[in-house]
Amino acid sequence: MAIPSYGHSRAFRCLWLLEEPGTDDFEVCMLTPGQPYAPQMQKHGVMHSYKIPTLQMDGHEIGDSGVISQLIAERYQENKQLLGVAAERIEMLQWLGMAETCITFRMPLLHLLMGNGTKLTDVQAQLIEPMRQVFRENVAHFESHFDKQGGDYLLDSGFSIADTMCAFSLHMGDSWGLMDLKSGEAPKTLAYLERMRARPAFINTKKYAELTPDLYGRGCVPIV
Protein backbone atom coordinates (compact mmCIF):
# COMPACT_ATOMS: atom_id res chain seq x y z
CA MET A 1 0.00 0.00 0.00
CA ALA A 2 1.10 3.54 -0.63
CA ILE A 3 -0.20 6.86 0.67
CA PRO A 4 1.12 9.93 -1.15
CA SER A 5 0.80 12.59 1.50
CA TYR A 6 2.05 15.43 3.62
CA GLY A 7 2.84 14.61 7.20
CA HIS A 8 0.68 17.37 8.70
CA SER A 9 -2.54 16.97 6.75
CA ARG A 10 -5.47 14.61 7.16
CA ALA A 11 -3.01 12.00 5.95
CA PHE A 12 -1.58 12.10 9.47
CA ARG A 13 -4.38 9.99 10.89
CA CYS A 14 -4.00 7.44 8.08
CA LEU A 15 -0.27 7.17 8.73
CA TRP A 16 -0.92 6.92 12.46
CA LEU A 17 -3.36 4.09 11.86
CA LEU A 18 -0.83 2.28 9.67
CA GLU A 19 1.79 2.58 12.41
CA GLU A 20 -0.47 1.13 15.12
CA PRO A 21 -0.69 -2.57 14.07
CA GLY A 22 3.09 -2.97 13.84
CA THR A 23 3.00 -4.38 10.31
CA ASP A 24 5.55 -3.49 7.63
CA ASP A 25 3.13 -4.21 4.78
CA PHE A 26 2.87 -0.68 3.39
CA GLU A 27 4.80 2.07 1.67
CA VAL A 28 4.41 5.81 2.11
CA CYS A 29 5.18 8.34 -0.60
CA MET A 30 5.98 11.83 0.63
CA LEU A 31 5.42 14.66 -1.88
CA THR A 32 7.05 18.02 -2.45
CA PRO A 33 4.89 20.75 -0.85
CA GLY A 34 3.65 23.55 -3.11
CA GLN A 35 3.91 21.56 -6.34
CA PRO A 36 1.02 19.93 -8.25
CA TYR A 37 0.04 16.64 -6.66
CA ALA A 38 -0.97 14.64 -9.71
CA PRO A 39 2.39 14.54 -11.59
CA GLN A 40 4.23 13.53 -8.41
CA MET A 41 1.68 10.84 -7.62
CA GLN A 42 1.72 9.49 -11.18
CA LYS A 43 5.44 8.80 -10.85
CA HIS A 44 4.52 6.29 -8.16
CA GLY A 45 1.66 4.68 -10.05
CA VAL A 46 -1.31 6.74 -8.84
CA MET A 47 -3.06 7.44 -12.12
CA HIS A 48 -6.53 8.77 -11.29
CA SER A 49 -6.60 10.31 -7.83
CA TYR A 50 -5.48 13.89 -7.23
CA LYS A 51 -6.26 14.07 -3.52
CA ILE A 52 -3.99 13.92 -0.49
CA PRO A 53 -3.96 11.39 0.97
CA THR A 54 -4.58 8.62 -1.56
CA LEU A 55 -4.48 4.95 -0.69
CA GLN A 56 -3.51 2.38 -3.32
CA MET A 57 -4.87 -1.00 -2.27
CA ASP A 58 -6.05 -4.07 -4.16
CA GLY A 59 -6.07 -2.24 -7.47
CA HIS A 60 -8.08 0.70 -6.16
CA GLU A 61 -7.21 4.34 -5.51
CA ILE A 62 -9.08 5.75 -2.52
CA GLY A 63 -8.85 9.49 -1.89
CA ASP A 64 -10.73 10.21 1.34
CA SER A 65 -8.97 9.94 4.68
CA GLY A 66 -12.06 8.72 6.55
CA VAL A 67 -12.68 5.90 4.07
CA ILE A 68 -8.95 5.14 3.96
CA SER A 69 -8.90 4.83 7.74
CA GLN A 70 -11.80 2.37 7.73
CA LEU A 71 -10.16 0.25 5.03
CA ILE A 72 -6.85 0.19 6.91
CA ALA A 73 -8.62 -0.86 10.10
CA GLU A 74 -10.40 -3.66 8.23
CA ARG A 75 -7.20 -4.85 6.53
CA TYR A 76 -5.25 -5.19 9.78
CA GLN A 77 -7.96 -6.62 12.04
CA GLU A 78 -5.88 -9.74 12.65
CA ASN A 79 -2.98 -7.62 13.87
CA LYS A 80 -5.04 -5.22 15.95
CA GLN A 81 -8.77 -4.69 16.44
CA LEU A 82 -9.33 -1.05 15.52
CA LEU A 83 -13.05 -1.04 14.73
CA GLY A 84 -14.41 -1.70 18.21
CA VAL A 85 -16.90 -4.49 18.83
CA ALA A 86 -20.10 -5.07 16.88
CA ALA A 87 -22.29 -3.44 19.52
CA GLU A 88 -20.25 -0.21 19.20
CA ARG A 89 -20.59 0.15 15.43
CA ILE A 90 -23.10 3.02 15.48
CA GLU A 91 -21.17 4.86 18.20
CA MET A 92 -17.94 4.37 16.24
CA LEU A 93 -19.52 5.76 13.05
CA GLN A 94 -20.85 8.78 14.94
CA TRP A 95 -17.37 9.57 16.27
CA LEU A 96 -15.98 9.30 12.72
CA GLY A 97 -18.63 11.70 11.49
CA MET A 98 -17.94 14.15 14.29
CA ALA A 99 -14.22 14.14 13.52
CA GLU A 100 -14.99 15.22 9.96
CA THR A 101 -18.09 17.39 9.93
CA CYS A 102 -17.89 19.04 13.35
CA ILE A 103 -14.17 19.63 13.75
CA THR A 104 -11.70 18.95 10.94
CA PHE A 105 -14.03 20.15 8.18
CA ARG A 106 -13.75 23.72 9.46
CA MET A 107 -10.00 23.79 10.07
CA PRO A 108 -8.08 23.69 6.76
CA LEU A 109 -9.62 26.91 5.39
CA LEU A 110 -8.87 28.83 8.58
CA HIS A 111 -5.29 27.61 8.66
CA LEU A 112 -4.80 28.51 5.00
CA LEU A 113 -6.11 32.02 5.51
CA MET A 114 -3.84 32.49 8.51
CA GLY A 115 -0.82 31.93 6.27
CA ASN A 116 -1.67 33.72 3.01
CA GLY A 117 -0.94 37.32 3.94
CA THR A 118 -4.40 38.17 5.26
CA LYS A 119 -4.22 40.25 8.41
CA LEU A 120 -4.65 37.95 11.38
CA THR A 121 -6.99 40.43 13.02
CA ASP A 122 -9.28 40.32 9.98
CA VAL A 123 -9.27 36.53 9.94
CA GLN A 124 -9.98 36.43 13.66
CA ALA A 125 -12.88 38.84 13.42
CA GLN A 126 -14.47 37.36 10.32
CA LEU A 127 -13.83 33.64 10.64
CA ILE A 128 -12.07 32.45 13.76
CA GLU A 129 -14.02 34.20 16.49
CA PRO A 130 -17.47 33.21 15.14
CA MET A 131 -16.31 29.57 15.19
CA ARG A 132 -14.89 29.56 18.71
CA GLN A 133 -18.26 28.83 20.29
CA VAL A 134 -18.77 25.94 17.88
CA PHE A 135 -15.40 24.47 18.80
CA ARG A 136 -16.14 25.11 22.50
CA GLU A 137 -19.36 23.09 22.17
CA ASN A 138 -17.49 20.30 20.38
CA VAL A 139 -14.95 20.12 23.19
CA ALA A 140 -17.81 20.09 25.71
CA HIS A 141 -19.20 17.03 23.92
CA PHE A 142 -15.94 15.16 24.50
CA GLU A 143 -15.78 16.33 28.10
CA SER A 144 -19.33 15.15 28.74
CA HIS A 145 -18.51 11.78 27.21
CA PHE A 146 -15.55 11.22 29.51
CA ASP A 147 -17.51 12.50 32.50
CA LYS A 148 -20.24 9.95 31.92
CA GLN A 149 -18.31 6.96 30.63
CA GLY A 150 -14.76 7.44 31.84
CA GLY A 151 -12.16 5.19 30.25
CA ASP A 152 -9.02 6.04 28.34
CA TYR A 153 -10.56 5.85 24.87
CA LEU A 154 -13.73 6.88 23.06
CA LEU A 155 -15.04 3.31 22.82
CA ASP A 156 -15.37 1.14 25.90
CA SER A 157 -13.68 -1.77 24.11
CA GLY A 158 -10.41 0.16 23.78
CA PHE A 159 -8.31 2.10 21.27
CA SER A 160 -9.91 2.33 17.83
CA ILE A 161 -10.27 4.24 14.60
CA ALA A 162 -12.55 6.62 16.52
CA ASP A 163 -9.47 7.75 18.46
CA THR A 164 -7.21 8.26 15.44
CA MET A 165 -9.89 10.30 13.70
CA CYS A 166 -11.03 12.42 16.65
CA ALA A 167 -7.71 12.82 18.42
CA PHE A 168 -6.16 14.11 15.19
CA SER A 169 -8.93 16.71 14.96
CA LEU A 170 -8.43 17.75 18.58
CA HIS A 171 -4.66 17.81 18.09
CA MET A 172 -4.87 20.18 15.13
CA GLY A 173 -7.48 22.39 16.79
CA ASP A 174 -5.26 22.70 19.83
CA SER A 175 -2.08 23.20 17.78
CA TRP A 176 -3.65 26.01 15.74
CA GLY A 177 -5.16 27.70 18.79
CA LEU A 178 -8.73 27.17 17.62
CA MET A 179 -9.70 25.18 20.70
CA ASP A 180 -9.08 26.17 24.29
CA LEU A 181 -8.09 22.92 25.96
CA LYS A 182 -5.78 24.44 28.55
CA SER A 183 -8.13 26.81 30.38
CA GLY A 184 -9.18 24.14 32.85
CA GLU A 185 -12.68 23.79 31.42
CA ALA A 186 -11.96 20.47 29.67
CA PRO A 187 -9.40 18.59 31.81
CA LYS A 188 -10.58 15.12 30.79
CA THR A 189 -10.45 15.99 27.09
CA LEU A 190 -6.97 17.44 27.45
CA ALA A 191 -5.83 14.34 29.37
CA TYR A 192 -7.29 12.16 26.61
CA LEU A 193 -5.44 14.13 23.92
CA GLU A 194 -2.17 13.88 25.83
CA ARG A 195 -2.62 10.09 26.13
CA MET A 196 -3.07 9.87 22.36
CA ARG A 197 -0.05 12.09 21.70
CA ALA A 198 2.05 9.84 23.93
CA ARG A 199 1.29 6.70 21.94
CA PRO A 200 4.43 5.40 20.19
CA ALA A 201 2.62 5.21 16.84
CA PHE A 202 1.54 8.87 17.13
CA ILE A 203 5.09 9.92 17.95
CA ASN A 204 6.45 7.88 15.02
CA THR A 205 3.92 9.45 12.66
CA LYS A 206 5.11 12.97 13.48
CA LYS A 207 8.50 12.02 12.03
CA TYR A 208 7.07 11.65 8.52
CA ALA A 209 6.65 15.43 8.25
CA GLU A 210 10.43 15.85 8.46
CA LEU A 211 11.18 13.48 5.58
CA THR A 212 12.37 14.57 2.16
CA PRO A 213 10.03 13.63 -0.72
CA ASP A 214 10.55 9.96 -1.51
CA LEU A 215 9.21 6.47 -0.83
CA TYR A 216 9.35 5.07 2.70
CA GLY A 217 8.31 2.05 4.68
CA ARG A 218 6.97 1.85 8.23
CA GLY A 219 9.01 3.86 10.71
CA CYS A 220 10.25 6.29 8.01
CA VAL A 221 12.62 3.68 6.59
CA PRO A 222 13.70 4.62 3.03
CA ILE A 223 12.70 2.21 0.25
CA VAL A 224 15.87 1.61 -1.73
C-alpha atoms as a PDB file:
ATOM      1  CA  MET A   1       0.000   0.000   0.000  1.00  0.00           C
ATOM      2  CA  ALA A   2       1.096   3.544  -0.627  1.00  0.00           C
ATOM      3  CA  ILE A   3      -0.200   6.860   0.671  1.00  0.00           C
ATOM      4  CA  PRO A   4       1.123   9.927  -1.153  1.00  0.00           C
ATOM      5  CA  SER A   5       0.805  12.591   1.496  1.00  0.00           C
ATOM      6  CA  TYR A   6       2.048  15.428   3.622  1.00  0.00           C
ATOM      7  CA  GLY A   7       2.840  14.606   7.197  1.00  0.00           C
ATOM      8  CA  HIS A   8       0.679  17.372   8.701  1.00  0.00           C
ATOM      9  CA  SER A   9      -2.543  16.973   6.746  1.00  0.00           C
ATOM     10  CA  ARG A  10      -5.472  14.607   7.165  1.00  0.00           C
ATOM     11  CA  ALA A  11      -3.011  11.996   5.946  1.00  0.00           C
ATOM     12  CA  PHE A  12      -1.581  12.102   9.470  1.00  0.00           C
ATOM     13  CA  ARG A  13      -4.382   9.992  10.895  1.00  0.00           C
ATOM     14  CA  CYS A  14      -3.996   7.439   8.079  1.00  0.00           C
ATOM     15  CA  LEU A  15      -0.265   7.166   8.725  1.00  0.00           C
ATOM     16  CA  TRP A  16      -0.924   6.916  12.460  1.00  0.00           C
ATOM     17  CA  LEU A  17      -3.360   4.091  11.858  1.00  0.00           C
ATOM     18  CA  LEU A  18      -0.825   2.283   9.670  1.00  0.00           C
ATOM     19  CA  GLU A  19       1.794   2.580  12.406  1.00  0.00           C
ATOM     20  CA  GLU A  20      -0.473   1.125  15.118  1.00  0.00           C
ATOM     21  CA  PRO A  21      -0.694  -2.573  14.074  1.00  0.00           C
ATOM     22  CA  GLY A  22       3.092  -2.969  13.837  1.00  0.00           C
ATOM     23  CA  THR A  23       3.000  -4.376  10.309  1.00  0.00           C
ATOM     24  CA  ASP A  24       5.554  -3.493   7.626  1.00  0.00           C
ATOM     25  CA  ASP A  25       3.135  -4.206   4.776  1.00  0.00           C
ATOM     26  CA  PHE A  26       2.870  -0.681   3.387  1.00  0.00           C
ATOM     27  CA  GLU A  27       4.804   2.068   1.670  1.00  0.00           C
ATOM     28  CA  VAL A  28       4.409   5.814   2.107  1.00  0.00           C
ATOM     29  CA  CYS A  29       5.175   8.340  -0.605  1.00  0.00           C
ATOM     30  CA  MET A  30       5.977  11.832   0.633  1.00  0.00           C
ATOM     31  CA  LEU A  31       5.417  14.658  -1.877  1.00  0.00           C
ATOM     32  CA  THR A  32       7.052  18.021  -2.446  1.00  0.00           C
ATOM     33  CA  PRO A  33       4.894  20.748  -0.853  1.00  0.00           C
ATOM     34  CA  GLY A  34       3.646  23.547  -3.106  1.00  0.00           C
ATOM     35  CA  GLN A  35       3.911  21.557  -6.338  1.00  0.00           C
ATOM     36  CA  PRO A  36       1.021  19.932  -8.246  1.00  0.00           C
ATOM     37  CA  TYR A  37       0.042  16.638  -6.659  1.00  0.00           C
ATOM     38  CA  ALA A  38      -0.973  14.640  -9.708  1.00  0.00           C
ATOM     39  CA  PRO A  39       2.390  14.544 -11.585  1.00  0.00           C
ATOM     40  CA  GLN A  40       4.227  13.527  -8.412  1.00  0.00           C
ATOM     41  CA  MET A  41       1.678  10.838  -7.625  1.00  0.00           C
ATOM     42  CA  GLN A  42       1.718   9.490 -11.177  1.00  0.00           C
ATOM     43  CA  LYS A  43       5.445   8.801 -10.855  1.00  0.00           C
ATOM     44  CA  HIS A  44       4.520   6.287  -8.165  1.00  0.00           C
ATOM     45  CA  GLY A  45       1.659   4.681 -10.045  1.00  0.00           C
ATOM     46  CA  VAL A  46      -1.310   6.741  -8.838  1.00  0.00           C
ATOM     47  CA  MET A  47      -3.062   7.436 -12.122  1.00  0.00           C
ATOM     48  CA  HIS A  48      -6.526   8.773 -11.288  1.00  0.00           C
ATOM     49  CA  SER A  49      -6.601  10.312  -7.835  1.00  0.00           C
ATOM     50  CA  TYR A  50      -5.476  13.886  -7.231  1.00  0.00           C
ATOM     51  CA  LYS A  51      -6.260  14.070  -3.522  1.00  0.00           C
ATOM     52  CA  ILE A  52      -3.993  13.925  -0.492  1.00  0.00           C
ATOM     53  CA  PRO A  53      -3.956  11.388   0.969  1.00  0.00           C
ATOM     54  CA  THR A  54      -4.582   8.620  -1.556  1.00  0.00           C
ATOM     55  CA  LEU A  55      -4.479   4.952  -0.690  1.00  0.00           C
ATOM     56  CA  GLN A  56      -3.508   2.383  -3.316  1.00  0.00           C
ATOM     57  CA  MET A  57      -4.868  -0.997  -2.268  1.00  0.00           C
ATOM     58  CA  ASP A  58      -6.046  -4.070  -4.158  1.00  0.00           C
ATOM     59  CA  GLY A  59      -6.070  -2.243  -7.471  1.00  0.00           C
ATOM     60  CA  HIS A  60      -8.084   0.702  -6.156  1.00  0.00           C
ATOM     61  CA  GLU A  61      -7.213   4.339  -5.512  1.00  0.00           C
ATOM     62  CA  ILE A  62      -9.077   5.754  -2.521  1.00  0.00           C
ATOM     63  CA  GLY A  63      -8.852   9.495  -1.887  1.00  0.00           C
ATOM     64  CA  ASP A  64     -10.725  10.207   1.340  1.00  0.00           C
ATOM     65  CA  SER A  65      -8.967   9.937   4.684  1.00  0.00           C
ATOM     66  CA  GLY A  66     -12.056   8.720   6.547  1.00  0.00           C
ATOM     67  CA  VAL A  67     -12.678   5.901   4.067  1.00  0.00           C
ATOM     68  CA  ILE A  68      -8.955   5.138   3.961  1.00  0.00           C
ATOM     69  CA  SER A  69      -8.904   4.825   7.743  1.00  0.00           C
ATOM     70  CA  GLN A  70     -11.799   2.372   7.731  1.00  0.00           C
ATOM     71  CA  LEU A  71     -10.155   0.249   5.032  1.00  0.00           C
ATOM     72  CA  ILE A  72      -6.846   0.192   6.908  1.00  0.00           C
ATOM     73  CA  ALA A  73      -8.624  -0.860  10.099  1.00  0.00           C
ATOM     74  CA  GLU A  74     -10.398  -3.663   8.230  1.00  0.00           C
ATOM     75  CA  ARG A  75      -7.197  -4.847   6.532  1.00  0.00           C
ATOM     76  CA  TYR A  76      -5.245  -5.194   9.782  1.00  0.00           C
ATOM     77  CA  GLN A  77      -7.958  -6.622  12.035  1.00  0.00           C
ATOM     78  CA  GLU A  78      -5.884  -9.744  12.648  1.00  0.00           C
ATOM     79  CA  ASN A  79      -2.976  -7.617  13.874  1.00  0.00           C
ATOM     80  CA  LYS A  80      -5.041  -5.225  15.950  1.00  0.00           C
ATOM     81  CA  GLN A  81      -8.771  -4.687  16.436  1.00  0.00           C
ATOM     82  CA  LEU A  82      -9.332  -1.052  15.522  1.00  0.00           C
ATOM     83  CA  LEU A  83     -13.055  -1.036  14.735  1.00  0.00           C
ATOM     84  CA  GLY A  84     -14.407  -1.702  18.211  1.00  0.00           C
ATOM     85  CA  VAL A  85     -16.904  -4.488  18.834  1.00  0.00           C
ATOM     86  CA  ALA A  86     -20.102  -5.072  16.880  1.00  0.00           C
ATOM     87  CA  ALA A  87     -22.293  -3.441  19.525  1.00  0.00           C
ATOM     88  CA  GLU A  88     -20.247  -0.209  19.204  1.00  0.00           C
ATOM     89  CA  ARG A  89     -20.586   0.149  15.427  1.00  0.00           C
ATOM     90  CA  ILE A  90     -23.100   3.021  15.484  1.00  0.00           C
ATOM     91  CA  GLU A  91     -21.168   4.859  18.200  1.00  0.00           C
ATOM     92  CA  MET A  92     -17.942   4.375  16.236  1.00  0.00           C
ATOM     93  CA  LEU A  93     -19.524   5.756  13.047  1.00  0.00           C
ATOM     94  CA  GLN A  94     -20.854   8.778  14.940  1.00  0.00           C
ATOM     95  CA  TRP A  95     -17.366   9.569  16.268  1.00  0.00           C
ATOM     96  CA  LEU A  96     -15.977   9.304  12.722  1.00  0.00           C
ATOM     97  CA  GLY A  97     -18.626  11.700  11.492  1.00  0.00           C
ATOM     98  CA  MET A  98     -17.936  14.154  14.292  1.00  0.00           C
ATOM     99  CA  ALA A  99     -14.222  14.144  13.518  1.00  0.00           C
ATOM    100  CA  GLU A 100     -14.988  15.217   9.958  1.00  0.00           C
ATOM    101  CA  THR A 101     -18.094  17.387   9.927  1.00  0.00           C
ATOM    102  CA  CYS A 102     -17.885  19.037  13.352  1.00  0.00           C
ATOM    103  CA  ILE A 103     -14.169  19.630  13.753  1.00  0.00           C
ATOM    104  CA  THR A 104     -11.699  18.950  10.939  1.00  0.00           C
ATOM    105  CA  PHE A 105     -14.033  20.150   8.176  1.00  0.00           C
ATOM    106  CA  ARG A 106     -13.747  23.716   9.462  1.00  0.00           C
ATOM    107  CA  MET A 107      -9.998  23.792  10.073  1.00  0.00           C
ATOM    108  CA  PRO A 108      -8.078  23.692   6.761  1.00  0.00           C
ATOM    109  CA  LEU A 109      -9.616  26.913   5.390  1.00  0.00           C
ATOM    110  CA  LEU A 110      -8.868  28.828   8.575  1.00  0.00           C
ATOM    111  CA  HIS A 111      -5.291  27.605   8.656  1.00  0.00           C
ATOM    112  CA  LEU A 112      -4.799  28.508   4.996  1.00  0.00           C
ATOM    113  CA  LEU A 113      -6.107  32.019   5.513  1.00  0.00           C
ATOM    114  CA  MET A 114      -3.840  32.489   8.507  1.00  0.00           C
ATOM    115  CA  GLY A 115      -0.818  31.931   6.265  1.00  0.00           C
ATOM    116  CA  ASN A 116      -1.668  33.717   3.011  1.00  0.00           C
ATOM    117  CA  GLY A 117      -0.939  37.318   3.942  1.00  0.00           C
ATOM    118  CA  THR A 118      -4.397  38.167   5.262  1.00  0.00           C
ATOM    119  CA  LYS A 119      -4.217  40.252   8.413  1.00  0.00           C
ATOM    120  CA  LEU A 120      -4.649  37.952  11.376  1.00  0.00           C
ATOM    121  CA  THR A 121      -6.992  40.430  13.020  1.00  0.00           C
ATOM    122  CA  ASP A 122      -9.282  40.320   9.977  1.00  0.00           C
ATOM    123  CA  VAL A 123      -9.268  36.525   9.939  1.00  0.00           C
ATOM    124  CA  GLN A 124      -9.984  36.428  13.665  1.00  0.00           C
ATOM    125  CA  ALA A 125     -12.881  38.835  13.425  1.00  0.00           C
ATOM    126  CA  GLN A 126     -14.470  37.357  10.323  1.00  0.00           C
ATOM    127  CA  LEU A 127     -13.832  33.641  10.637  1.00  0.00           C
ATOM    128  CA  ILE A 128     -12.069  32.447  13.756  1.00  0.00           C
ATOM    129  CA  GLU A 129     -14.020  34.203  16.493  1.00  0.00           C
ATOM    130  CA  PRO A 130     -17.475  33.205  15.139  1.00  0.00           C
ATOM    131  CA  MET A 131     -16.311  29.573  15.194  1.00  0.00           C
ATOM    132  CA  ARG A 132     -14.886  29.564  18.706  1.00  0.00           C
ATOM    133  CA  GLN A 133     -18.257  28.831  20.289  1.00  0.00           C
ATOM    134  CA  VAL A 134     -18.768  25.937  17.883  1.00  0.00           C
ATOM    135  CA  PHE A 135     -15.405  24.469  18.802  1.00  0.00           C
ATOM    136  CA  ARG A 136     -16.137  25.105  22.497  1.00  0.00           C
ATOM    137  CA  GLU A 137     -19.357  23.090  22.166  1.00  0.00           C
ATOM    138  CA  ASN A 138     -17.485  20.303  20.380  1.00  0.00           C
ATOM    139  CA  VAL A 139     -14.953  20.116  23.194  1.00  0.00           C
ATOM    140  CA  ALA A 140     -17.809  20.092  25.709  1.00  0.00           C
ATOM    141  CA  HIS A 141     -19.197  17.033  23.923  1.00  0.00           C
ATOM    142  CA  PHE A 142     -15.937  15.157  24.497  1.00  0.00           C
ATOM    143  CA  GLU A 143     -15.781  16.330  28.097  1.00  0.00           C
ATOM    144  CA  SER A 144     -19.331  15.150  28.735  1.00  0.00           C
ATOM    145  CA  HIS A 145     -18.514  11.776  27.210  1.00  0.00           C
ATOM    146  CA  PHE A 146     -15.546  11.216  29.511  1.00  0.00           C
ATOM    147  CA  ASP A 147     -17.512  12.504  32.503  1.00  0.00           C
ATOM    148  CA  LYS A 148     -20.244   9.948  31.925  1.00  0.00           C
ATOM    149  CA  GLN A 149     -18.308   6.956  30.627  1.00  0.00           C
ATOM    150  CA  GLY A 150     -14.756   7.435  31.840  1.00  0.00           C
ATOM    151  CA  GLY A 151     -12.161   5.190  30.250  1.00  0.00           C
ATOM    152  CA  ASP A 152      -9.018   6.038  28.343  1.00  0.00           C
ATOM    153  CA  TYR A 153     -10.563   5.847  24.867  1.00  0.00           C
ATOM    154  CA  LEU A 154     -13.734   6.877  23.063  1.00  0.00           C
ATOM    155  CA  LEU A 155     -15.037   3.307  22.823  1.00  0.00           C
ATOM    156  CA  ASP A 156     -15.374   1.138  25.903  1.00  0.00           C
ATOM    157  CA  SER A 157     -13.679  -1.766  24.114  1.00  0.00           C
ATOM    158  CA  GLY A 158     -10.414   0.162  23.778  1.00  0.00           C
ATOM    159  CA  PHE A 159      -8.313   2.102  21.268  1.00  0.00           C
ATOM    160  CA  SER A 160      -9.910   2.328  17.832  1.00  0.00           C
ATOM    161  CA  ILE A 161     -10.266   4.238  14.598  1.00  0.00           C
ATOM    162  CA  ALA A 162     -12.551   6.617  16.524  1.00  0.00           C
ATOM    163  CA  ASP A 163      -9.470   7.752  18.457  1.00  0.00           C
ATOM    164  CA  THR A 164      -7.206   8.262  15.437  1.00  0.00           C
ATOM    165  CA  MET A 165      -9.894  10.301  13.699  1.00  0.00           C
ATOM    166  CA  CYS A 166     -11.034  12.421  16.652  1.00  0.00           C
ATOM    167  CA  ALA A 167      -7.709  12.820  18.422  1.00  0.00           C
ATOM    168  CA  PHE A 168      -6.163  14.112  15.185  1.00  0.00           C
ATOM    169  CA  SER A 169      -8.929  16.707  14.958  1.00  0.00           C
ATOM    170  CA  LEU A 170      -8.427  17.751  18.580  1.00  0.00           C
ATOM    171  CA  HIS A 171      -4.658  17.808  18.088  1.00  0.00           C
ATOM    172  CA  MET A 172      -4.868  20.184  15.130  1.00  0.00           C
ATOM    173  CA  GLY A 173      -7.479  22.386  16.787  1.00  0.00           C
ATOM    174  CA  ASP A 174      -5.260  22.695  19.833  1.00  0.00           C
ATOM    175  CA  SER A 175      -2.080  23.201  17.776  1.00  0.00           C
ATOM    176  CA  TRP A 176      -3.647  26.010  15.739  1.00  0.00           C
ATOM    177  CA  GLY A 177      -5.156  27.698  18.789  1.00  0.00           C
ATOM    178  CA  LEU A 178      -8.733  27.166  17.617  1.00  0.00           C
ATOM    179  CA  MET A 179      -9.699  25.177  20.699  1.00  0.00           C
ATOM    180  CA  ASP A 180      -9.080  26.169  24.289  1.00  0.00           C
ATOM    181  CA  LEU A 181      -8.088  22.917  25.963  1.00  0.00           C
ATOM    182  CA  LYS A 182      -5.785  24.440  28.545  1.00  0.00           C
ATOM    183  CA  SER A 183      -8.130  26.807  30.378  1.00  0.00           C
ATOM    184  CA  GLY A 184      -9.177  24.135  32.855  1.00  0.00           C
ATOM    185  CA  GLU A 185     -12.682  23.786  31.417  1.00  0.00           C
ATOM    186  CA  ALA A 186     -11.959  20.470  29.674  1.00  0.00           C
ATOM    187  CA  PRO A 187      -9.405  18.587  31.814  1.00  0.00           C
ATOM    188  CA  LYS A 188     -10.577  15.120  30.786  1.00  0.00           C
ATOM    189  CA  THR A 189     -10.454  15.990  27.088  1.00  0.00           C
ATOM    190  CA  LEU A 190      -6.967  17.440  27.448  1.00  0.00           C
ATOM    191  CA  ALA A 191      -5.826  14.343  29.369  1.00  0.00           C
ATOM    192  CA  TYR A 192      -7.288  12.157  26.607  1.00  0.00           C
ATOM    193  CA  LEU A 193      -5.437  14.125  23.916  1.00  0.00           C
ATOM    194  CA  GLU A 194      -2.167  13.882  25.827  1.00  0.00           C
ATOM    195  CA  ARG A 195      -2.621  10.092  26.127  1.00  0.00           C
ATOM    196  CA  MET A 196      -3.075   9.875  22.363  1.00  0.00           C
ATOM    197  CA  ARG A 197      -0.052  12.094  21.700  1.00  0.00           C
ATOM    198  CA  ALA A 198       2.048   9.840  23.926  1.00  0.00           C
ATOM    199  CA  ARG A 199       1.286   6.696  21.937  1.00  0.00           C
ATOM    200  CA  PRO A 200       4.431   5.402  20.186  1.00  0.00           C
ATOM    201  CA  ALA A 201       2.617   5.209  16.840  1.00  0.00           C
ATOM    202  CA  PHE A 202       1.538   8.867  17.131  1.00  0.00           C
ATOM    203  CA  ILE A 203       5.094   9.923  17.946  1.00  0.00           C
ATOM    204  CA  ASN A 204       6.446   7.882  15.022  1.00  0.00           C
ATOM    205  CA  THR A 205       3.917   9.447  12.661  1.00  0.00           C
ATOM    206  CA  LYS A 206       5.107  12.968  13.483  1.00  0.00           C
ATOM    207  CA  LYS A 207       8.498  12.022  12.031  1.00  0.00           C
ATOM    208  CA  TYR A 208       7.071  11.651   8.517  1.00  0.00           C
ATOM    209  CA  ALA A 209       6.650  15.432   8.250  1.00  0.00           C
ATOM    210  CA  GLU A 210      10.429  15.845   8.462  1.00  0.00           C
ATOM    211  CA  LEU A 211      11.185  13.476   5.578  1.00  0.00           C
ATOM    212  CA  THR A 212      12.366  14.570   2.161  1.00  0.00           C
ATOM    213  CA  PRO A 213      10.031  13.630  -0.716  1.00  0.00           C
ATOM    214  CA  ASP A 214      10.547   9.960  -1.512  1.00  0.00           C
ATOM    215  CA  LEU A 215       9.210   6.473  -0.833  1.00  0.00           C
ATOM    216  CA  TYR A 216       9.352   5.074   2.699  1.00  0.00           C
ATOM    217  CA  GLY A 217       8.307   2.045   4.684  1.00  0.00           C
ATOM    218  CA  ARG A 218       6.967   1.847   8.234  1.00  0.00           C
ATOM    219  CA  GLY A 219       9.013   3.863  10.706  1.00  0.00           C
ATOM    220  CA  CYS A 220      10.247   6.291   8.011  1.00  0.00           C
ATOM    221  CA  VAL A 221      12.623   3.681   6.588  1.00  0.00           C
ATOM    222  CA  PRO A 222      13.697   4.621   3.028  1.00  0.00           C
ATOM    223  CA  ILE A 223      12.695   2.210   0.251  1.00  0.00           C
ATOM    224  CA  VAL A 224      15.873   1.613  -1.733  1.00  0.00           C
END
